[in-house]
PDB file of N, CA and C in Angstrom:
ATOM      1  N   MET A   1      -8.965 144.360-160.154  1.00  0.00           N
ATOM      2  CA  MET A   1      -8.791 144.060-158.740  1.00  0.00           C
ATOM      3  C   MET A   1      -9.993 143.336-158.221  1.00  0.00           C
ATOM      4  N   LYS A   2      -9.739 142.163-157.589  1.00  0.00           N
ATOM      5  CA  LYS A   2     -10.790 141.404-156.909  1.00  0.00           C
ATOM      6  C   LYS A   2     -11.150 142.183-155.655  1.00  0.00           C
ATOM      7  N   LEU A   3     -12.361 141.954-155.269  1.00  0.00           N
ATOM      8  CA  LEU A   3     -12.845 142.530-153.975  1.00  0.00           C
ATOM      9  C   LEU A   3     -11.996 142.241-152.803  1.00  0.00           C
ATOM     10  N   SER A   4     -11.402 140.997-152.794  1.00  0.00           N
ATOM     11  CA  SER A   4     -10.655 140.604-151.635  1.00  0.00           C
ATOM     12  C   SER A   4      -9.255 141.134-151.598  1.00  0.00           C
ATOM     13  N   GLU A   5      -8.769 141.776-152.708  1.00  0.00           N
ATOM     14  CA  GLU A   5      -7.512 142.340-152.818  1.00  0.00           C
ATOM     15  C   GLU A   5      -7.497 143.809-152.426  1.00  0.00           C
ATOM     16  N   ASN A   6      -7.624 143.983-151.084  1.00  0.00           N
ATOM     17  CA  ASN A   6      -7.765 145.354-150.589  1.00  0.00           C
ATOM     18  C   ASN A   6      -6.700 145.672-149.493  1.00  0.00           C
ATOM     19  N   HIS A   7      -5.613 144.929-149.473  1.00  0.00           N
ATOM     20  CA  HIS A   7      -4.535 145.192-148.479  1.00  0.00           C
ATOM     21  C   HIS A   7      -3.279 145.621-149.223  1.00  0.00           C
ATOM     22  N   ASN A   8      -2.530 146.376-148.495  1.00  0.00           N
ATOM     23  CA  ASN A   8      -1.278 146.928-149.099  1.00  0.00           C
ATOM     24  C   ASN A   8      -0.106 146.772-148.077  1.00  0.00           C
ATOM     25  N   VAL A   9       1.015 146.572-148.590  1.00  0.00           N
ATOM     26  CA  VAL A   9       2.237 146.702-147.765  1.00  0.00           C
ATOM     27  C   VAL A   9       2.780 148.076-148.121  1.00  0.00           C
ATOM     28  N   TYR A  10       3.568 148.656-147.162  1.00  0.00           N
ATOM     29  CA  TYR A  10       4.121 149.962-147.372  1.00  0.00           C
ATOM     30  C   TYR A  10       5.437 150.103-146.604  1.00  0.00           C
ATOM     31  N   VAL A  11       6.263 151.010-147.068  1.00  0.00           N
ATOM     32  CA  VAL A  11       7.542 151.298-146.439  1.00  0.00           C
ATOM     33  C   VAL A  11       7.648 152.760-146.129  1.00  0.00           C
ATOM     34  N   ILE A  12       8.044 153.073-144.936  1.00  0.00           N
ATOM     35  CA  ILE A  12       8.233 154.482-144.482  1.00  0.00           C
ATOM     36  C   ILE A  12       9.713 154.701-144.178  1.00  0.00           C
ATOM     37  N   GLU A  13      10.300 155.705-144.750  1.00  0.00           N
ATOM     38  CA  GLU A  13      11.652 156.058-144.375  1.00  0.00           C
ATOM     39  C   GLU A  13      11.653 156.699-143.013  1.00  0.00           C
ATOM     40  N   LEU A  14      12.588 156.300-142.184  1.00  0.00           N
ATOM     41  CA  LEU A  14      12.801 156.797-140.814  1.00  0.00           C
ATOM     42  C   LEU A  14      14.042 157.674-140.782  1.00  0.00           C
ATOM     43  N   SER A  15      13.965 158.700-140.004  1.00  0.00           N
ATOM     44  CA  SER A  15      15.129 159.542-139.749  1.00  0.00           C
ATOM     45  C   SER A  15      16.255 158.668-139.161  1.00  0.00           C
ATOM     46  N   LYS A  16      17.520 159.017-139.491  1.00  0.00           N
ATOM     47  CA  LYS A  16      18.644 158.297-138.945  1.00  0.00           C
ATOM     48  C   LYS A  16      18.695 158.398-137.402  1.00  0.00           C
ATOM     49  N   ASP A  17      17.941 159.355-136.872  1.00  0.00           N
ATOM     50  CA  ASP A  17      17.952 159.508-135.361  1.00  0.00           C
ATOM     51  C   ASP A  17      17.453 158.276-134.743  1.00  0.00           C
ATOM     52  N   VAL A  18      16.698 157.403-135.541  1.00  0.00           N
ATOM     53  CA  VAL A  18      16.195 156.162-134.917  1.00  0.00           C
ATOM     54  C   VAL A  18      17.394 155.222-134.488  1.00  0.00           C
ATOM     55  N   LEU A  19      18.602 155.563-135.082  1.00  0.00           N
ATOM     56  CA  LEU A  19      19.746 154.699-134.724  1.00  0.00           C
ATOM     57  C   LEU A  19      20.206 154.957-133.249  1.00  0.00           C
ATOM     58  N   ARG A  20      19.603 155.894-132.585  1.00  0.00           N
ATOM     59  CA  ARG A  20      19.824 156.068-131.147  1.00  0.00           C
ATOM     60  C   ARG A  20      19.082 155.081-130.255  1.00  0.00           C
ATOM     61  N   GLU A  21      18.105 154.461-130.899  1.00  0.00           N
ATOM     62  CA  GLU A  21      17.243 153.522-130.202  1.00  0.00           C
ATOM     63  C   GLU A  21      17.905 152.140-130.114  1.00  0.00           C
ATOM     64  N   ARG A  22      18.134 151.688-128.951  1.00  0.00           N
ATOM     65  CA  ARG A  22      18.790 150.388-128.680  1.00  0.00           C
ATOM     66  C   ARG A  22      18.106 149.233-129.339  1.00  0.00           C
ATOM     67  N   ARG A  23      16.761 149.217-129.218  1.00  0.00           N
ATOM     68  CA  ARG A  23      15.924 148.172-129.810  1.00  0.00           C
ATOM     69  C   ARG A  23      16.123 148.097-131.355  1.00  0.00           C
ATOM     70  N   PHE A  24      16.170 149.278-131.967  1.00  0.00           N
ATOM     71  CA  PHE A  24      16.288 149.331-133.377  1.00  0.00           C
ATOM     72  C   PHE A  24      17.670 148.798-133.817  1.00  0.00           C
ATOM     73  N   ILE A  25      18.696 149.274-133.162  1.00  0.00           N
ATOM     74  CA  ILE A  25      20.103 148.773-133.431  1.00  0.00           C
ATOM     75  C   ILE A  25      20.201 147.246-133.250  1.00  0.00           C
ATOM     76  N   LYS A  26      19.620 146.762-132.174  1.00  0.00           N
ATOM     77  CA  LYS A  26      19.760 145.366-131.860  1.00  0.00           C
ATOM     78  C   LYS A  26      19.039 144.512-132.944  1.00  0.00           C
ATOM     79  N   SER A  27      18.017 145.075-133.499  1.00  0.00           N
ATOM     80  CA  SER A  27      17.271 144.326-134.578  1.00  0.00           C
ATOM     81  C   SER A  27      17.918 144.370-135.947  1.00  0.00           C
ATOM     82  N   ASN A  28      19.020 145.149-136.023  1.00  0.00           N
ATOM     83  CA  ASN A  28      19.641 145.380-137.369  1.00  0.00           C
ATOM     84  C   ASN A  28      21.148 145.209-137.261  1.00  0.00           C
ATOM     85  N   PRO A  29      21.682 144.045-136.891  1.00  0.00           N
ATOM     86  CA  PRO A  29      23.081 143.920-136.653  1.00  0.00           C
ATOM     87  C   PRO A  29      23.915 144.079-137.944  1.00  0.00           C
ATOM     88  N   ASP A  30      23.337 143.887-139.107  1.00  0.00           N
ATOM     89  CA  ASP A  30      24.089 144.028-140.347  1.00  0.00           C
ATOM     90  C   ASP A  30      23.746 145.268-141.168  1.00  0.00           C
ATOM     91  N   TYR A  31      23.205 146.279-140.402  1.00  0.00           N
ATOM     92  CA  TYR A  31      22.871 147.550-141.006  1.00  0.00           C
ATOM     93  C   TYR A  31      24.096 148.202-141.597  1.00  0.00           C
ATOM     94  N   LYS A  32      23.953 148.715-142.868  1.00  0.00           N
ATOM     95  CA  LYS A  32      25.050 149.447-143.546  1.00  0.00           C
ATOM     96  C   LYS A  32      24.797 150.907-143.428  1.00  0.00           C
ATOM     97  N   ASP A  33      25.762 151.695-142.969  1.00  0.00           N
ATOM     98  CA  ASP A  33      25.587 153.118-142.711  1.00  0.00           C
ATOM     99  C   ASP A  33      24.950 153.889-143.745  1.00  0.00           C
ATOM    100  N   ALA A  34      25.278 153.633-145.080  1.00  0.00           N
ATOM    101  CA  ALA A  34      24.750 154.434-146.108  1.00  0.00           C
ATOM    102  C   ALA A  34      23.342 154.124-146.521  1.00  0.00           C
ATOM    103  N   MET A  35      22.739 153.077-145.928  1.00  0.00           N
ATOM    104  CA  MET A  35      21.395 152.674-146.368  1.00  0.00           C
ATOM    105  C   MET A  35      20.395 153.310-145.498  1.00  0.00           C
ATOM    106  N   PRO A  36      19.156 153.486-146.034  1.00  0.00           N
ATOM    107  CA  PRO A  36      18.037 154.105-145.273  1.00  0.00           C
ATOM    108  C   PRO A  36      17.612 153.172-144.092  1.00  0.00           C
ATOM    109  N   CYS A  37      16.982 153.856-143.154  1.00  0.00           N
ATOM    110  CA  CYS A  37      16.256 153.101-142.037  1.00  0.00           C
ATOM    111  C   CYS A  37      14.809 153.275-142.405  1.00  0.00           C
ATOM    112  N   VAL A  38      14.072 152.109-142.270  1.00  0.00           N
ATOM    113  CA  VAL A  38      12.693 152.070-142.723  1.00  0.00           C
ATOM    114  C   VAL A  38      11.793 151.284-141.764  1.00  0.00           C
ATOM    115  N   TYR A  39      10.536 151.557-141.859  1.00  0.00           N
ATOM    116  CA  TYR A  39       9.440 150.799-141.231  1.00  0.00           C
ATOM    117  C   TYR A  39       8.721 150.100-142.341  1.00  0.00           C
ATOM    118  N   VAL A  40       8.401 148.805-142.117  1.00  0.00           N
ATOM    119  CA  VAL A  40       7.589 148.086-143.125  1.00  0.00           C
ATOM    120  C   VAL A  40       6.297 147.615-142.430  1.00  0.00           C
ATOM    121  N   GLY A  41       5.211 147.928-143.096  1.00  0.00           N
ATOM    122  CA  GLY A  41       3.869 147.595-142.521  1.00  0.00           C
ATOM    123  C   GLY A  41       2.947 147.105-143.551  1.00  0.00           C
ATOM    124  N   MET A  42       1.736 146.762-143.089  1.00  0.00           N
ATOM    125  CA  MET A  42       0.660 146.352-144.006  1.00  0.00           C
ATOM    126  C   MET A  42      -0.601 146.996-143.493  1.00  0.00           C
ATOM    127  N   THR A  43      -1.545 147.225-144.405  1.00  0.00           N
ATOM    128  CA  THR A  43      -2.705 147.942-144.033  1.00  0.00           C
ATOM    129  C   THR A  43      -3.898 147.609-145.080  1.00  0.00           C
ATOM    130  N   GLY A  44      -5.090 147.798-144.552  1.00  0.00           N
ATOM    131  CA  GLY A  44      -6.276 147.706-145.415  1.00  0.00           C
ATOM    132  C   GLY A  44      -6.583 149.093-145.938  1.00  0.00           C
ATOM    133  N   LEU A  45      -5.814 150.139-145.553  1.00  0.00           N
ATOM    134  CA  LEU A  45      -5.995 151.446-145.994  1.00  0.00           C
ATOM    135  C   LEU A  45      -5.048 151.805-147.190  1.00  0.00           C
ATOM    136  N   ASP A  46      -5.284 152.997-147.727  1.00  0.00           N
ATOM    137  CA  ASP A  46      -4.264 153.508-148.660  1.00  0.00           C
ATOM    138  C   ASP A  46      -3.010 153.814-147.828  1.00  0.00           C
ATOM    139  N   PRO A  47      -1.826 153.453-148.351  1.00  0.00           N
ATOM    140  CA  PRO A  47      -0.590 153.719-147.512  1.00  0.00           C
ATOM    141  C   PRO A  47      -0.459 155.199-147.112  1.00  0.00           C
ATOM    142  N   ASP A  48      -0.894 156.167-147.961  1.00  0.00           N
ATOM    143  CA  ASP A  48      -0.818 157.561-147.561  1.00  0.00           C
ATOM    144  C   ASP A  48      -1.695 157.884-146.301  1.00  0.00           C
ATOM    145  N   ILE A  49      -2.875 157.264-146.252  1.00  0.00           N
ATOM    146  CA  ILE A  49      -3.740 157.497-145.099  1.00  0.00           C
ATOM    147  C   ILE A  49      -3.156 156.853-143.917  1.00  0.00           C
ATOM    148  N   ARG A  50      -2.585 155.599-144.108  1.00  0.00           N
ATOM    149  CA  ARG A  50      -1.970 154.984-142.949  1.00  0.00           C
ATOM    150  C   ARG A  50      -0.780 155.706-142.413  1.00  0.00           C
ATOM    151  N   PHE A  51       0.005 156.203-143.204  1.00  0.00           N
ATOM    152  CA  PHE A  51       1.124 157.020-142.795  1.00  0.00           C
ATOM    153  C   PHE A  51       0.656 158.223-141.940  1.00  0.00           C
ATOM    154  N   ASP A  52      -0.390 158.950-142.452  1.00  0.00           N
ATOM    155  CA  ASP A  52      -0.868 160.078-141.742  1.00  0.00           C
ATOM    156  C   ASP A  52      -1.424 159.649-140.351  1.00  0.00           C
ATOM    157  N   LYS A  53      -2.004 158.498-140.264  1.00  0.00           N
ATOM    158  CA  LYS A  53      -2.507 158.012-138.946  1.00  0.00           C
ATOM    159  C   LYS A  53      -1.342 157.726-138.017  1.00  0.00           C
ATOM    160  N   HIS A  54      -0.260 157.095-138.520  1.00  0.00           N
ATOM    161  CA  HIS A  54       0.907 156.903-137.738  1.00  0.00           C
ATOM    162  C   HIS A  54       1.373 158.207-137.142  1.00  0.00           C
ATOM    163  N   LYS A  55       1.534 159.142-138.013  1.00  0.00           N
ATOM    164  CA  LYS A  55       2.092 160.455-137.546  1.00  0.00           C
ATOM    165  C   LYS A  55       1.174 161.193-136.572  1.00  0.00           C
ATOM    166  N   ALA A  56      -0.156 160.893-136.626  1.00  0.00           N
ATOM    167  CA  ALA A  56      -1.138 161.548-135.802  1.00  0.00           C
ATOM    168  C   ALA A  56      -1.275 160.742-134.462  1.00  0.00           C
ATOM    169  N   GLY A  57      -0.557 159.620-134.365  1.00  0.00           N
ATOM    170  CA  GLY A  57      -0.649 158.834-133.161  1.00  0.00           C
ATOM    171  C   GLY A  57      -1.782 157.858-133.052  1.00  0.00           C
ATOM    172  N   ILE A  58      -2.474 157.637-134.225  1.00  0.00           N
ATOM    173  CA  ILE A  58      -3.643 156.736-134.277  1.00  0.00           C
ATOM    174  C   ILE A  58      -3.174 155.382-134.672  1.00  0.00           C
ATOM    175  N   GLN A  59      -3.257 154.379-133.752  1.00  0.00           N
ATOM    176  CA  GLN A  59      -2.742 153.046-133.968  1.00  0.00           C
ATOM    177  C   GLN A  59      -1.357 153.161-134.581  1.00  0.00           C
ATOM    178  N   SER A  60      -0.533 153.876-133.903  1.00  0.00           N
ATOM    179  CA  SER A  60       0.770 154.269-134.418  1.00  0.00           C
ATOM    180  C   SER A  60       1.938 153.419-133.871  1.00  0.00           C
ATOM    181  N   ASN A  61       2.853 153.157-134.678  1.00  0.00           N
ATOM    182  CA  ASN A  61       4.115 152.612-134.202  1.00  0.00           C
ATOM    183  C   ASN A  61       4.997 153.754-133.695  1.00  0.00           C
ATOM    184  N   ARG A  62       5.597 153.603-132.570  1.00  0.00           N
ATOM    185  CA  ARG A  62       6.399 154.705-131.985  1.00  0.00           C
ATOM    186  C   ARG A  62       7.518 155.229-132.847  1.00  0.00           C
ATOM    187  N   PHE A  63       8.159 154.262-133.527  1.00  0.00           N
ATOM    188  CA  PHE A  63       9.310 154.688-134.364  1.00  0.00           C
ATOM    189  C   PHE A  63       8.789 155.523-135.516  1.00  0.00           C
ATOM    190  N   VAL A  64       7.645 155.179-136.100  1.00  0.00           N
ATOM    191  CA  VAL A  64       7.100 155.968-137.162  1.00  0.00           C
ATOM    192  C   VAL A  64       6.619 157.278-136.679  1.00  0.00           C
ATOM    193  N   LYS A  65       5.908 157.316-135.596  1.00  0.00           N
ATOM    194  CA  LYS A  65       5.376 158.600-135.050  1.00  0.00           C
ATOM    195  C   LYS A  65       6.585 159.571-134.735  1.00  0.00           C
ATOM    196  N   GLU A  66       7.655 159.079-134.178  1.00  0.00           N
ATOM    197  CA  GLU A  66       8.789 159.928-133.815  1.00  0.00           C
ATOM    198  C   GLU A  66       9.781 160.188-134.923  1.00  0.00           C
ATOM    199  N   TYR A  67       9.965 159.182-135.823  1.00  0.00           N
ATOM    200  CA  TYR A  67      11.014 159.276-136.787  1.00  0.00           C
ATOM    201  C   TYR A  67      10.603 159.188-138.234  1.00  0.00           C
ATOM    202  N   GLY A  68       9.332 158.897-138.459  1.00  0.00           N
ATOM    203  CA  GLY A  68       8.821 158.715-139.854  1.00  0.00           C
ATOM    204  C   GLY A  68       8.953 160.000-140.677  1.00  0.00           C
ATOM    205  N   LEU A  69       9.526 159.872-141.875  1.00  0.00           N
ATOM    206  CA  LEU A  69       9.754 160.972-142.756  1.00  0.00           C
ATOM    207  C   LEU A  69       8.773 161.038-143.932  1.00  0.00           C
ATOM    208  N   TRP A  70       8.700 159.915-144.689  1.00  0.00           N
ATOM    209  CA  TRP A  70       7.867 159.824-145.844  1.00  0.00           C
ATOM    210  C   TRP A  70       7.797 158.387-146.327  1.00  0.00           C
ATOM    211  N   LEU A  71       6.788 158.146-147.192  1.00  0.00           N
ATOM    212  CA  LEU A  71       6.619 156.813-147.775  1.00  0.00           C
ATOM    213  C   LEU A  71       7.701 156.659-148.927  1.00  0.00           C
ATOM    214  N   LEU A  72       8.117 155.406-149.102  1.00  0.00           N
ATOM    215  CA  LEU A  72       9.003 155.058-150.223  1.00  0.00           C
ATOM    216  C   LEU A  72       8.328 154.113-151.217  1.00  0.00           C
ATOM    217  N   PRO A  73       7.400 154.699-152.004  1.00  0.00           N
ATOM    218  CA  PRO A  73       6.610 153.872-152.861  1.00  0.00           C
ATOM    219  C   PRO A  73       7.344 152.996-153.870  1.00  0.00           C
ATOM    220  N   ASP A  74       8.458 153.365-154.275  1.00  0.00           N
ATOM    221  CA  ASP A  74       9.309 152.568-155.213  1.00  0.00           C
ATOM    222  C   ASP A  74       9.564 151.235-154.663  1.00  0.00           C
ATOM    223  N   LEU A  75       9.515 151.049-153.372  1.00  0.00           N
ATOM    224  CA  LEU A  75       9.873 149.756-152.746  1.00  0.00           C
ATOM    225  C   LEU A  75       8.612 148.899-152.592  1.00  0.00           C
ATOM    226  N   TYR A  76       7.392 149.347-152.815  1.00  0.00           N
ATOM    227  CA  TYR A  76       6.249 148.523-152.497  1.00  0.00           C
ATOM    228  C   TYR A  76       5.100 148.671-153.507  1.00  0.00           C
ATOM    229  N   GLU A  77       5.022 149.727-154.313  1.00  0.00           N
ATOM    230  CA  GLU A  77       3.807 150.038-155.123  1.00  0.00           C
ATOM    231  C   GLU A  77       3.476 148.914-156.105  1.00  0.00           C
ATOM    232  N   LYS A  78       4.503 148.312-156.705  1.00  0.00           N
ATOM    233  CA  LYS A  78       4.261 147.266-157.637  1.00  0.00           C
ATOM    234  C   LYS A  78       3.659 145.929-157.007  1.00  0.00           C
ATOM    235  N   LEU A  79       3.719 145.855-155.740  1.00  0.00           N
ATOM    236  CA  LEU A  79       3.199 144.719-154.997  1.00  0.00           C
ATOM    237  C   LEU A  79       1.752 144.786-154.641  1.00  0.00           C
ATOM    238  N   ASN A  80       1.213 146.027-154.625  1.00  0.00           N
ATOM    239  CA  ASN A  80      -0.125 146.222-154.127  1.00  0.00           C
ATOM    240  C   ASN A  80      -1.170 146.303-155.250  1.00  0.00           C
ATOM    241  N   PRO A  81      -2.482 146.099-154.979  1.00  0.00           N
ATOM    242  CA  PRO A  81      -3.051 145.584-153.681  1.00  0.00           C
ATOM    243  C   PRO A  81      -3.015 144.038-153.714  1.00  0.00           C
ATOM    244  N   MET A  82      -3.328 143.475-152.583  1.00  0.00           N
ATOM    245  CA  MET A  82      -3.301 142.013-152.505  1.00  0.00           C
ATOM    246  C   MET A  82      -4.295 141.531-151.373  1.00  0.00           C
ATOM    247  N   PRO A  83      -4.594 140.265-151.411  1.00  0.00           N
ATOM    248  CA  PRO A  83      -5.424 139.765-150.284  1.00  0.00           C
ATOM    249  C   PRO A  83      -4.701 139.827-148.927  1.00  0.00           C
ATOM    250  N   TYR A  84      -5.494 139.827-147.821  1.00  0.00           N
ATOM    251  CA  TYR A  84      -4.944 139.984-146.516  1.00  0.00           C
ATOM    252  C   TYR A  84      -3.797 138.952-146.181  1.00  0.00           C
ATOM    253  N   GLU A  85      -3.989 137.695-146.467  1.00  0.00           N
ATOM    254  CA  GLU A  85      -2.963 136.712-146.177  1.00  0.00           C
ATOM    255  C   GLU A  85      -1.677 136.943-146.930  1.00  0.00           C
ATOM    256  N   ASP A  86      -1.861 137.370-148.151  1.00  0.00           N
ATOM    257  CA  ASP A  86      -0.622 137.645-149.013  1.00  0.00           C
ATOM    258  C   ASP A  86       0.057 138.879-148.435  1.00  0.00           C
ATOM    259  N   ALA A  87      -0.686 139.875-147.921  1.00  0.00           N
ATOM    260  CA  ALA A  87      -0.056 141.055-147.382  1.00  0.00           C
ATOM    261  C   ALA A  87       0.626 140.753-146.073  1.00  0.00           C
ATOM    262  N   ARG A  88       0.071 139.860-145.274  1.00  0.00           N
ATOM    263  CA  ARG A  88       0.750 139.441-144.020  1.00  0.00           C
ATOM    264  C   ARG A  88       2.122 138.771-144.330  1.00  0.00           C
ATOM    265  N   TYR A  89       2.090 137.914-145.357  1.00  0.00           N
ATOM    266  CA  TYR A  89       3.362 137.308-145.800  1.00  0.00           C
ATOM    267  C   TYR A  89       4.345 138.313-146.356  1.00  0.00           C
ATOM    268  N   MET A  90       3.865 139.156-147.252  1.00  0.00           N
ATOM    269  CA  MET A  90       4.695 140.060-147.983  1.00  0.00           C
ATOM    270  C   MET A  90       5.323 141.118-147.057  1.00  0.00           C
ATOM    271  N   GLU A  91       4.658 141.498-145.996  1.00  0.00           N
ATOM    272  CA  GLU A  91       5.188 142.437-145.049  1.00  0.00           C
ATOM    273  C   GLU A  91       6.493 141.872-144.446  1.00  0.00           C
ATOM    274  N   VAL A  92       6.444 140.640-143.982  1.00  0.00           N
ATOM    275  CA  VAL A  92       7.624 139.989-143.445  1.00  0.00           C
ATOM    276  C   VAL A  92       8.684 139.738-144.437  1.00  0.00           C
ATOM    277  N   ASP A  93       8.280 139.240-145.642  1.00  0.00           N
ATOM    278  CA  ASP A  93       9.243 138.937-146.691  1.00  0.00           C
ATOM    279  C   ASP A  93       9.989 140.171-147.126  1.00  0.00           C
ATOM    280  N   LEU A  94       9.193 141.305-147.348  1.00  0.00           N
ATOM    281  CA  LEU A  94       9.849 142.563-147.777  1.00  0.00           C
ATOM    282  C   LEU A  94      10.799 143.108-146.715  1.00  0.00           C
ATOM    283  N   ALA A  95      10.453 142.979-145.412  1.00  0.00           N
ATOM    284  CA  ALA A  95      11.302 143.423-144.294  1.00  0.00           C
ATOM    285  C   ALA A  95      12.595 142.603-144.374  1.00  0.00           C
ATOM    286  N   ILE A  96      12.500 141.316-144.522  1.00  0.00           N
ATOM    287  CA  ILE A  96      13.674 140.442-144.560  1.00  0.00           C
ATOM    288  C   ILE A  96      14.615 140.802-145.735  1.00  0.00           C
ATOM    289  N   ARG A  97      13.930 141.001-146.911  1.00  0.00           N
ATOM    290  CA  ARG A  97      14.775 141.350-148.104  1.00  0.00           C
ATOM    291  C   ARG A  97      15.537 142.638-147.966  1.00  0.00           C
ATOM    292  N   LEU A  98      14.821 143.653-147.389  1.00  0.00           N
ATOM    293  CA  LEU A  98      15.421 144.948-147.198  1.00  0.00           C
ATOM    294  C   LEU A  98      16.546 144.833-146.164  1.00  0.00           C
ATOM    295  N   ARG A  99      16.343 144.086-145.120  1.00  0.00           N
ATOM    296  CA  ARG A  99      17.355 143.945-144.098  1.00  0.00           C
ATOM    297  C   ARG A  99      18.589 143.209-144.669  1.00  0.00           C
ATOM    298  N   GLU A 100      18.336 142.231-145.574  1.00  0.00           N
ATOM    299  CA  GLU A 100      19.478 141.528-146.258  1.00  0.00           C
ATOM    300  C   GLU A 100      20.237 142.451-147.150  1.00  0.00           C
ATOM    301  N   ASN A 101      19.662 143.503-147.605  1.00  0.00           N
ATOM    302  CA  ASN A 101      20.284 144.432-148.486  1.00  0.00           C
ATOM    303  C   ASN A 101      20.929 145.647-147.694  1.00  0.00           C
ATOM    304  N   GLY A 102      20.947 145.516-146.384  1.00  0.00           N
ATOM    305  CA  GLY A 102      21.690 146.499-145.547  1.00  0.00           C
ATOM    306  C   GLY A 102      20.825 147.595-144.973  1.00  0.00           C
ATOM    307  N   TYR A 103      19.568 147.642-145.281  1.00  0.00           N
ATOM    308  CA  TYR A 103      18.629 148.588-144.695  1.00  0.00           C
ATOM    309  C   TYR A 103      18.485 148.375-143.163  1.00  0.00           C
ATOM    310  N   GLY A 104      18.260 149.447-142.462  1.00  0.00           N
ATOM    311  CA  GLY A 104      17.816 149.304-141.093  1.00  0.00           C
ATOM    312  C   GLY A 104      16.335 149.153-141.107  1.00  0.00           C
ATOM    313  N   VAL A 105      15.747 148.071-140.570  1.00  0.00           N
ATOM    314  CA  VAL A 105      14.325 147.772-140.681  1.00  0.00           C
ATOM    315  C   VAL A 105      13.667 147.588-139.354  1.00  0.00           C
ATOM    316  N   TRP A 106      12.505 148.196-139.277  1.00  0.00           N
ATOM    317  CA  TRP A 106      11.598 147.885-138.124  1.00  0.00           C
ATOM    318  C   TRP A 106      10.340 147.386-138.742  1.00  0.00           C
ATOM    319  N   GLN A 107       9.854 146.244-138.298  1.00  0.00           N
ATOM    320  CA  GLN A 107       8.609 145.626-138.850  1.00  0.00           C
ATOM    321  C   GLN A 107       7.935 145.051-137.642  1.00  0.00           C
ATOM    322  N   ALA A 108       6.740 145.607-137.283  1.00  0.00           N
ATOM    323  CA  ALA A 108       6.048 145.217-136.067  1.00  0.00           C
ATOM    324  C   ALA A 108       5.080 144.041-136.269  1.00  0.00           C
TER     325      ALA A 108
END
């Protein structure tokens, strides 16, 4: 790992209760009922630490704080770590790919 490869993308499964949120539904018009709802983010921290911070309300996304269940490492571990610019790109790319596969996705 190069020194500059210290960023990670991560995916958090959200409770289906997030489907009560109008903004979430509006962002996912092609959501398939059987698929998970997720949050996709990027961080310079270990994804486990970042998840804990979300849940504690520290620089937290509201949907993760209220509906976050757990990390889904199978969806991101093979991508990490990477340089900052790559992580910025991969966060968006991963969110798009998951949404195209029927996931409900929030990516801030």
